[in-house]
Every structure is written in C-alpha cells, then in structure tokens.
Amino acid sequence: MRIEGQTALITGANRGIGAALSRALLDRGAAKVYAAVRRPETVTDPRLTPLLMDVTDPGTVAAAAETAQDVTLLINNAGQGNGATHLLDGDLDVARSTMETNYFGTWSVSRAFAPILAAGGGGALVNVLSAASWWAIETAPGYSASKAAQWSLTNALRQGLRKQGTLVVGVHCGFVDTDLSASVDAPKIGADEVAEHTMRALENDADEVLVDDFSRRTRAALTGPIAGLHGIGF
C-alpha cells in the first residue's frame, strides 16, 4: 500500500501507540487522519481530524462510519489493559470490560468500516495486537485472553476480507513505553518503533508485524511444546 494520499482512521489516536501511528502516517503523506476517541477535545495535533467514537458503543461507531465514508486505511488501536482480575481472585467484570474493548470493540469497528474499505477499492485494516496474544498470564488472564481472541479475529478478518481486496495486518510487540505499561518494570520499546514497523508492513503489503525480538521468539515458539508458552514474567 502506498500511504501517501490515503485517508486513515485510528482508534485511540490521542496518546501512546495511536499518537505515534498518527504522526507516522502524516509524515508519509497521508491526506487525512481521523483520530477516533471518546473525548475529541483531547486530540491536540491540529493535523488530525478528531472524531467521537467509543469502540464499545455501537451508536458512536455507526455515527463515525457515517461521517468517515472516505476511509481507506483503518487502524484498530484502542485497547484496555488491566491487572485487577487475577486467575483466582479479582472482579470478573474488569476482565469482561477488557474483552469488550479489545475483542468486541475491534470487531464492531471492523464490521462498520469493512464496506467503506471495499467501496474505496479494498484498502487496509490494521489491528494492534500484542505478544500477549500467545502467552497465558496468570496475573492478567483476562487481558491475554482478550488479545488471543483479537488475534483470532484478525485471522478471520484476513480470510473474510480477502475477496474485497483488503490487506489485514496484525501488529505484535512486547512491552511498549506508554501509560498502559507505566507500572511495569521490564524492558520496553518505544511507540515510534511500533509505528515505524507498522508503516513498513503496509508499504510492503505484509500481513504480520513482529516488532521486537520478544515477539519474534514467541511467534517461533508456537511450533514447540505447549509448556514453552508458560512462565512469562508479566
């Protein structure tokens, strides 16, 4: 995909990875970037077009799709992380909320914009996933389950949207230096690095991005014994 001239929409574009993706698209000549967020007033970059959207609210998703009929590149970046629901204790409602955002939210937005991408010639759909898609995390099973479900959805979208010519890209990475991982004491990569790898994937029509060594090692381990995917120090 040639990024120059494209019209993109990024969910959760006002900070972290979403903000980095917005900058990267604009730097490569994107014609317009919709910043789809729950609070449009938090979008401070004047180059962005703020757009109200809560990915868990079907009404705002439908309204955003009605407004942004010119989108040719959709990036599902909005996500929720939590450590409040552990395996044997903690409120399950927190885990349900995480699944609602990361999995059903991505599904809802993708459904709403798939016809728009088709009308524009196919375009591309990017899901910002995680290496946690492939790890069982005892201290945050709700989060890892939501990312595993989101990865499965990405694979289904890749099959379902192939006939309309839509490139579907899954982006995997370990810890990223954002507000989401602020309390984590572990090596982290920068959000700009995630954005750069994502741009390269789009430009090369690649359907999977493994940003860091951790993600690459994890992906390779999927062909090994299942015990190899336990014991991560999250």
C-alpha atoms as a PDB file:
ATOM      1  CA  MET A   1       0.000   0.000   0.000  1.00  0.00           C
ATOM      2  CA  ARG A   2       1.166   3.483  -0.848  1.00  0.00           C
ATOM      3  CA  ILE A   3       0.479   5.564   2.292  1.00  0.00           C
ATOM      4  CA  GLU A   4       0.731   8.918   0.564  1.00  0.00           C
ATOM      5  CA  GLY A   5      -2.747  10.207  -0.184  1.00  0.00           C
ATOM      6  CA  GLN A   6      -4.588   7.679   1.977  1.00  0.00           C
ATOM      7  CA  THR A   7      -7.363   8.619   4.404  1.00  0.00           C
ATOM      8  CA  ALA A   8      -6.842   6.805   7.700  1.00  0.00           C
ATOM      9  CA  LEU A   9      -8.832   6.326  10.865  1.00  0.00           C
ATOM     10  CA  ILE A  10      -7.097   5.338  14.091  1.00  0.00           C
ATOM     11  CA  THR A  11      -8.976   4.400  17.244  1.00  0.00           C
ATOM     12  CA  GLY A  12      -7.351   5.615  20.450  1.00  0.00           C
ATOM     13  CA  ALA A  13      -5.209   8.050  18.487  1.00  0.00           C
ATOM     14  CA  ASN A  14      -4.726  10.663  21.177  1.00  0.00           C
ATOM     15  CA  ARG A  15      -1.828   9.038  23.033  1.00  0.00           C
ATOM     16  CA  GLY A  16       0.712   6.224  23.118  1.00  0.00           C
ATOM     17  CA  ILE A  17       0.906   3.938  20.104  1.00  0.00           C
ATOM     18  CA  GLY A  18      -2.109   5.623  18.499  1.00  0.00           C
ATOM     19  CA  ALA A  19      -0.449   9.040  18.568  1.00  0.00           C
ATOM     20  CA  ALA A  20       2.770   7.567  17.169  1.00  0.00           C
ATOM     21  CA  LEU A  21       0.868   5.892  14.341  1.00  0.00           C
ATOM     22  CA  SER A  22      -0.853   9.189  13.545  1.00  0.00           C
ATOM     23  CA  ARG A  23       2.463  11.016  13.290  1.00  0.00           C
ATOM     24  CA  ALA A  24       3.968   8.284  11.125  1.00  0.00           C
ATOM     25  CA  LEU A  25       1.058   8.385   8.686  1.00  0.00           C
ATOM     26  CA  LEU A  26       1.171  12.154   8.375  1.00  0.00           C
ATOM     27  CA  ASP A  27       4.944  12.108   7.920  1.00  0.00           C
ATOM     28  CA  ARG A  28       4.446   9.724   4.994  1.00  0.00           C
ATOM     29  CA  GLY A  29       1.921  11.976   3.318  1.00  0.00           C
ATOM     30  CA  ALA A  30      -1.469  10.630   4.394  1.00  0.00           C
ATOM     31  CA  ALA A  31      -4.144  13.003   3.112  1.00  0.00           C
ATOM     32  CA  LYS A  32      -6.266  12.844   6.273  1.00  0.00           C
ATOM     33  CA  VAL A  33      -6.095  11.059   9.613  1.00  0.00           C
ATOM     34  CA  TYR A  34      -9.229  10.708  11.712  1.00  0.00           C
ATOM     35  CA  ALA A  35      -8.438  10.458  15.423  1.00  0.00           C
ATOM     36  CA  ALA A  36     -11.336   8.375  16.736  1.00  0.00           C
ATOM     37  CA  VAL A  37     -11.504   8.837  20.501  1.00  0.00           C
ATOM     38  CA  ARG A  38     -14.006   9.006  23.349  1.00  0.00           C
ATOM     39  CA  ARG A  39     -13.040  12.610  24.127  1.00  0.00           C
ATOM     40  CA  PRO A  40     -12.298  14.541  20.920  1.00  0.00           C
ATOM     41  CA  GLU A  41     -11.093  17.551  22.909  1.00  0.00           C
ATOM     42  CA  THR A  42      -8.010  15.518  23.916  1.00  0.00           C
ATOM     43  CA  VAL A  43      -6.768  15.474  20.303  1.00  0.00           C
ATOM     44  CA  THR A  44      -4.271  18.342  20.283  1.00  0.00           C
ATOM     45  CA  ASP A  45      -2.422  17.814  16.995  1.00  0.00           C
ATOM     46  CA  PRO A  46      -4.024  20.279  14.549  1.00  0.00           C
ATOM     47  CA  ARG A  47      -3.162  17.991  11.626  1.00  0.00           C
ATOM     48  CA  LEU A  48      -5.604  15.359  12.888  1.00  0.00           C
ATOM     49  CA  THR A  49      -9.378  15.293  12.402  1.00  0.00           C
ATOM     50  CA  PRO A  50     -10.993  14.490  15.779  1.00  0.00           C
ATOM     51  CA  LEU A  51     -13.914  12.072  15.655  1.00  0.00           C
ATOM     52  CA  LEU A  52     -16.085  10.893  18.534  1.00  0.00           C
ATOM     53  CA  MET A  53     -16.003   7.124  18.977  1.00  0.00           C
ATOM     54  CA  ASP A  54     -16.229   4.739  21.898  1.00  0.00           C
ATOM     55  CA  VAL A  55     -15.463   1.313  20.425  1.00  0.00           C
ATOM     56  CA  THR A  56     -17.776  -0.313  22.984  1.00  0.00           C
ATOM     57  CA  ASP A  57     -20.716   1.912  21.982  1.00  0.00           C
ATOM     58  CA  PRO A  58     -22.334   0.732  18.729  1.00  0.00           C
ATOM     59  CA  GLY A  59     -24.079   4.097  18.317  1.00  0.00           C
ATOM     60  CA  THR A  60     -20.860   6.108  18.192  1.00  0.00           C
ATOM     61  CA  VAL A  61     -19.202   3.501  15.961  1.00  0.00           C
ATOM     62  CA  ALA A  62     -22.074   3.716  13.461  1.00  0.00           C
ATOM     63  CA  ALA A  63     -22.070   7.523  13.578  1.00  0.00           C
ATOM     64  CA  ALA A  64     -18.312   7.638  12.970  1.00  0.00           C
ATOM     65  CA  ALA A  65     -18.657   5.301   9.981  1.00  0.00           C
ATOM     66  CA  GLU A  66     -21.403   7.513   8.573  1.00  0.00           C
ATOM     67  CA  THR A  67     -19.123  10.549   8.884  1.00  0.00           C
ATOM     68  CA  ALA A  68     -15.867   8.977   7.679  1.00  0.00           C
ATOM     69  CA  GLN A  69     -17.012   7.469   4.383  1.00  0.00           C
ATOM     70  CA  ASP A  70     -13.666   8.308   2.782  1.00  0.00           C
ATOM     71  CA  VAL A  71     -11.530   5.982   4.933  1.00  0.00           C
ATOM     72  CA  THR A  72      -9.121   3.730   3.029  1.00  0.00           C
ATOM     73  CA  LEU A  73      -6.982   2.640   5.987  1.00  0.00           C
ATOM     74  CA  LEU A  74      -8.434   1.547   9.336  1.00  0.00           C
ATOM     75  CA  ILE A  75      -6.217   1.020  12.373  1.00  0.00           C
ATOM     76  CA  ASN A  76      -7.816  -0.636  15.412  1.00  0.00           C
ATOM     77  CA  ASN A  77      -5.512   0.578  18.155  1.00  0.00           C
ATOM     78  CA  ALA A  78      -7.832   1.366  21.087  1.00  0.00           C
ATOM     79  CA  GLY A  79      -7.320  -1.127  23.874  1.00  0.00           C
ATOM     80  CA  GLN A  80      -7.667  -1.757  27.561  1.00  0.00           C
ATOM     81  CA  GLY A  81      -5.163  -3.448  29.839  1.00  0.00           C
ATOM     82  CA  ASN A  82      -5.632  -4.448  33.450  1.00  0.00           C
ATOM     83  CA  GLY A  83      -4.131  -6.488  36.219  1.00  0.00           C
ATOM     84  CA  ALA A  84      -7.121  -6.247  38.536  1.00  0.00           C
ATOM     85  CA  THR A  85      -8.533  -9.667  37.650  1.00  0.00           C
ATOM     86  CA  HIS A  86      -6.142 -12.429  38.633  1.00  0.00           C
ATOM     87  CA  LEU A  87      -6.681 -16.085  37.925  1.00  0.00           C
ATOM     88  CA  LEU A  88      -8.353 -16.933  41.252  1.00  0.00           C
ATOM     89  CA  ASP A  89      -9.383 -13.542  42.576  1.00  0.00           C
ATOM     90  CA  GLY A  90     -10.437 -10.095  41.401  1.00  0.00           C
ATOM     91  CA  ASP A  91     -13.614  -8.737  39.865  1.00  0.00           C
ATOM     92  CA  LEU A  92     -14.550 -10.604  36.683  1.00  0.00           C
ATOM     93  CA  ASP A  93     -16.373  -7.509  35.455  1.00  0.00           C
ATOM     94  CA  VAL A  94     -12.970  -5.914  34.832  1.00  0.00           C
ATOM     95  CA  ALA A  95     -11.981  -8.854  32.632  1.00  0.00           C
ATOM     96  CA  ARG A  96     -15.324  -8.625  30.821  1.00  0.00           C
ATOM     97  CA  SER A  97     -14.701  -4.927  30.155  1.00  0.00           C
ATOM     98  CA  THR A  98     -11.282  -5.724  28.722  1.00  0.00           C
ATOM     99  CA  MET A  99     -12.770  -8.323  26.391  1.00  0.00           C
ATOM    100  CA  GLU A 100     -15.498  -5.862  25.389  1.00  0.00           C
ATOM    101  CA  THR A 101     -12.910  -3.266  24.376  1.00  0.00           C
ATOM    102  CA  ASN A 102     -10.104  -5.331  22.889  1.00  0.00           C
ATOM    103  CA  TYR A 103     -12.124  -8.029  21.143  1.00  0.00           C
ATOM    104  CA  PHE A 104     -15.713  -6.922  20.601  1.00  0.00           C
ATOM    105  CA  GLY A 105     -14.682  -3.293  20.094  1.00  0.00           C
ATOM    106  CA  THR A 106     -12.245  -4.244  17.346  1.00  0.00           C
ATOM    107  CA  TRP A 107     -14.879  -6.496  15.790  1.00  0.00           C
ATOM    108  CA  SER A 108     -17.538  -3.775  15.888  1.00  0.00           C
ATOM    109  CA  VAL A 109     -15.343  -1.138  14.266  1.00  0.00           C
ATOM    110  CA  SER A 110     -14.095  -3.586  11.626  1.00  0.00           C
ATOM    111  CA  ARG A 111     -17.662  -4.536  10.718  1.00  0.00           C
ATOM    112  CA  ALA A 112     -18.680  -0.903  10.381  1.00  0.00           C
ATOM    113  CA  PHE A 113     -15.775   0.072   8.143  1.00  0.00           C
ATOM    114  CA  ALA A 114     -15.324  -3.062   6.017  1.00  0.00           C
ATOM    115  CA  PRO A 115     -17.935  -1.890   3.449  1.00  0.00           C
ATOM    116  CA  ILE A 116     -16.281   1.531   3.327  1.00  0.00           C
ATOM    117  CA  LEU A 117     -12.891  -0.040   2.627  1.00  0.00           C
ATOM    118  CA  ALA A 118     -14.478  -2.195  -0.064  1.00  0.00           C
ATOM    119  CA  ALA A 119     -16.076   0.842  -1.714  1.00  0.00           C
ATOM    120  CA  GLY A 120     -12.669   2.516  -1.802  1.00  0.00           C
ATOM    121  CA  GLY A 121     -11.011  -0.384  -3.566  1.00  0.00           C
ATOM    122  CA  GLY A 122     -10.036  -2.576  -0.605  1.00  0.00           C
ATOM    123  CA  GLY A 123      -7.518  -0.540   1.354  1.00  0.00           C
ATOM    124  CA  ALA A 124      -6.087  -1.949   4.566  1.00  0.00           C
ATOM    125  CA  LEU A 125      -7.122  -2.839   8.098  1.00  0.00           C
ATOM    126  CA  VAL A 126      -4.540  -2.955  10.889  1.00  0.00           C
ATOM    127  CA  ASN A 127      -5.101  -4.488  14.322  1.00  0.00           C
ATOM    128  CA  VAL A 128      -2.641  -3.536  17.066  1.00  0.00           C
ATOM    129  CA  LEU A 129      -2.264  -6.795  18.976  1.00  0.00           C
ATOM    130  CA  SER A 130       0.379  -7.962  21.442  1.00  0.00           C
ATOM    131  CA  ALA A 131       2.806 -10.756  22.146  1.00  0.00           C
ATOM    132  CA  ALA A 132       0.326 -11.469  24.949  1.00  0.00           C
ATOM    133  CA  SER A 133      -1.867 -12.991  22.228  1.00  0.00           C
ATOM    134  CA  TRP A 134       0.332 -16.081  22.604  1.00  0.00           C
ATOM    135  CA  TRP A 135       1.025 -16.127  26.347  1.00  0.00           C
ATOM    136  CA  ALA A 136      -1.030 -17.395  29.273  1.00  0.00           C
ATOM    137  CA  ILE A 137      -0.593 -14.774  32.012  1.00  0.00           C
ATOM    138  CA  GLU A 138      -1.573 -15.908  35.498  1.00  0.00           C
ATOM    139  CA  THR A 139      -1.746 -12.362  36.856  1.00  0.00           C
ATOM    140  CA  ALA A 140      -3.765 -10.981  33.920  1.00  0.00           C
ATOM    141  CA  PRO A 141      -5.647 -13.850  32.254  1.00  0.00           C
ATOM    142  CA  GLY A 142      -8.418 -11.527  31.099  1.00  0.00           C
ATOM    143  CA  TYR A 143      -6.000  -9.345  29.143  1.00  0.00           C
ATOM    144  CA  SER A 144      -4.138 -12.221  27.488  1.00  0.00           C
ATOM    145  CA  ALA A 145      -7.443 -13.908  26.614  1.00  0.00           C
ATOM    146  CA  SER A 146      -8.728 -10.703  25.019  1.00  0.00           C
ATOM    147  CA  LYS A 147      -5.591 -10.406  22.901  1.00  0.00           C
ATOM    148  CA  ALA A 148      -5.736 -14.071  21.899  1.00  0.00           C
ATOM    149  CA  ALA A 149      -9.341 -13.514  20.819  1.00  0.00           C
ATOM    150  CA  GLN A 150      -8.323 -10.377  18.928  1.00  0.00           C
ATOM    151  CA  TRP A 151      -5.604 -12.340  17.109  1.00  0.00           C
ATOM    152  CA  SER A 152      -8.161 -14.983  16.132  1.00  0.00           C
ATOM    153  CA  LEU A 153     -10.471 -12.233  14.901  1.00  0.00           C
ATOM    154  CA  THR A 154      -7.616 -10.755  12.857  1.00  0.00           C
ATOM    155  CA  ASN A 155      -7.080 -14.104  11.152  1.00  0.00           C
ATOM    156  CA  ALA A 156     -10.806 -14.381  10.434  1.00  0.00           C
ATOM    157  CA  LEU A 157     -10.883 -10.857   9.007  1.00  0.00           C
ATOM    158  CA  ARG A 158      -7.920 -11.721   6.808  1.00  0.00           C
ATOM    159  CA  GLN A 159      -9.905 -14.587   5.312  1.00  0.00           C
ATOM    160  CA  GLY A 160     -13.218 -12.762   5.103  1.00  0.00           C
ATOM    161  CA  LEU A 161     -11.926  -9.517   3.587  1.00  0.00           C
ATOM    162  CA  ARG A 162      -9.527 -11.072   1.097  1.00  0.00           C
ATOM    163  CA  LYS A 163     -12.216 -11.209  -1.569  1.00  0.00           C
ATOM    164  CA  GLN A 164     -12.744  -7.441  -1.380  1.00  0.00           C
ATOM    165  CA  GLY A 165      -9.025  -6.776  -1.685  1.00  0.00           C
ATOM    166  CA  THR A 166      -8.438  -5.552   1.873  1.00  0.00           C
ATOM    167  CA  LEU A 167      -4.977  -6.103   3.340  1.00  0.00           C
ATOM    168  CA  VAL A 168      -5.337  -7.189   7.005  1.00  0.00           C
ATOM    169  CA  VAL A 169      -2.277  -6.621   9.201  1.00  0.00           C
ATOM    170  CA  GLY A 170      -1.686  -7.884  12.749  1.00  0.00           C
ATOM    171  CA  VAL A 171       0.910  -5.994  14.812  1.00  0.00           C
ATOM    172  CA  HIS A 172       2.582  -7.845  17.700  1.00  0.00           C
ATOM    173  CA  CYS A 173       5.007  -6.437  20.248  1.00  0.00           C
ATOM    174  CA  GLY A 174       6.091  -6.860  23.838  1.00  0.00           C
ATOM    175  CA  PHE A 175       6.009  -4.066  26.407  1.00  0.00           C
ATOM    176  CA  VAL A 176       5.780  -0.585  24.883  1.00  0.00           C
ATOM    177  CA  ASP A 177       6.719   2.566  26.782  1.00  0.00           C
ATOM    178  CA  THR A 178       3.209   4.022  27.173  1.00  0.00           C
ATOM    179  CA  ASP A 179       0.816   4.844  30.011  1.00  0.00           C
ATOM    180  CA  LEU A 180      -0.540   1.286  29.776  1.00  0.00           C
ATOM    181  CA  SER A 181       2.778  -0.210  30.907  1.00  0.00           C
ATOM    182  CA  ALA A 182       3.926   2.598  33.190  1.00  0.00           C
ATOM    183  CA  SER A 183       3.879   0.369  36.272  1.00  0.00           C
ATOM    184  CA  VAL A 184       5.781  -2.482  34.593  1.00  0.00           C
ATOM    185  CA  ASP A 185       9.461  -2.881  35.452  1.00  0.00           C
ATOM    186  CA  ALA A 186      10.703  -4.569  32.288  1.00  0.00           C
ATOM    187  CA  PRO A 187      12.497  -3.662  29.044  1.00  0.00           C
ATOM    188  CA  LYS A 188      10.263  -1.642  26.737  1.00  0.00           C
ATOM    189  CA  ILE A 189      10.342  -0.424  23.171  1.00  0.00           C
ATOM    190  CA  GLY A 190       9.170   2.997  22.028  1.00  0.00           C
ATOM    191  CA  ALA A 191       5.783   3.687  20.474  1.00  0.00           C
ATOM    192  CA  ASP A 192       7.513   5.281  17.477  1.00  0.00           C
ATOM    193  CA  GLU A 193       9.279   1.978  16.808  1.00  0.00           C
ATOM    194  CA  VAL A 194       5.923   0.177  16.698  1.00  0.00           C
ATOM    195  CA  ALA A 195       4.619   2.812  14.287  1.00  0.00           C
ATOM    196  CA  GLU A 196       7.665   2.569  12.022  1.00  0.00           C
ATOM    197  CA  HIS A 197       7.401  -1.220  11.730  1.00  0.00           C
ATOM    198  CA  THR A 198       3.687  -0.900  11.001  1.00  0.00           C
ATOM    199  CA  MET A 199       4.300   1.621   8.221  1.00  0.00           C
ATOM    200  CA  ARG A 200       6.884  -0.649   6.629  1.00  0.00           C
ATOM    201  CA  ALA A 201       4.454  -3.573   6.739  1.00  0.00           C
ATOM    202  CA  LEU A 202       1.778  -1.532   4.987  1.00  0.00           C
ATOM    203  CA  GLU A 203       4.215  -0.323   2.344  1.00  0.00           C
ATOM    204  CA  ASN A 204       5.323  -3.908   1.697  1.00  0.00           C
ATOM    205  CA  ASP A 205       1.830  -5.458   1.861  1.00  0.00           C
ATOM    206  CA  ALA A 206       2.911  -7.659   4.787  1.00  0.00           C
ATOM    207  CA  ASP A 207       0.132  -9.186   6.851  1.00  0.00           C
ATOM    208  CA  GLU A 208       2.014  -9.646  10.145  1.00  0.00           C
ATOM    209  CA  VAL A 209       4.370  -7.401  12.120  1.00  0.00           C
ATOM    210  CA  LEU A 210       6.694  -8.771  14.799  1.00  0.00           C
ATOM    211  CA  VAL A 211       8.158  -5.561  16.168  1.00  0.00           C
ATOM    212  CA  ASP A 212      10.720  -6.816  18.683  1.00  0.00           C
ATOM    213  CA  ASP A 213      12.864  -9.849  19.460  1.00  0.00           C
ATOM    214  CA  PHE A 214      10.459 -10.913  22.187  1.00  0.00           C
ATOM    215  CA  SER A 215       7.572 -11.147  19.720  1.00  0.00           C
ATOM    216  CA  ARG A 216       9.692 -12.955  17.165  1.00  0.00           C
ATOM    217  CA  ARG A 217      10.899 -15.527  19.721  1.00  0.00           C
ATOM    218  CA  THR A 218       7.360 -16.019  20.985  1.00  0.00           C
ATOM    219  CA  ARG A 219       5.961 -16.497  17.482  1.00  0.00           C
ATOM    220  CA  ALA A 220       8.641 -19.072  16.721  1.00  0.00           C
ATOM    221  CA  ALA A 221       7.891 -20.914  19.980  1.00  0.00           C
ATOM    222  CA  LEU A 222       4.327 -21.613  18.831  1.00  0.00           C
ATOM    223  CA  THR A 223       5.679 -24.585  16.884  1.00  0.00           C
ATOM    224  CA  GLY A 224       7.262 -26.062  20.019  1.00  0.00           C
ATOM    225  CA  PRO A 225       5.889 -27.779  23.146  1.00  0.00           C
ATOM    226  CA  ILE A 226       2.979 -26.001  24.810  1.00  0.00           C
ATOM    227  CA  ALA A 227       4.988 -25.764  28.038  1.00  0.00           C
ATOM    228  CA  GLY A 228       7.178 -23.217  26.285  1.00  0.00           C
ATOM    229  CA  LEU A 229       4.365 -20.664  26.438  1.00  0.00           C
ATOM    230  CA  HIS A 230       4.107 -20.611  30.216  1.00  0.00           C
ATOM    231  CA  GLY A 231       6.073 -18.856  32.897  1.00  0.00           C
ATOM    232  CA  ILE A 232       6.497 -15.410  31.377  1.00  0.00           C
ATOM    233  CA  GLY A 233       7.361 -12.740  33.922  1.00  0.00           C
ATOM    234  CA  PHE A 234       4.413 -10.402  33.330  1.00  0.00           C
END
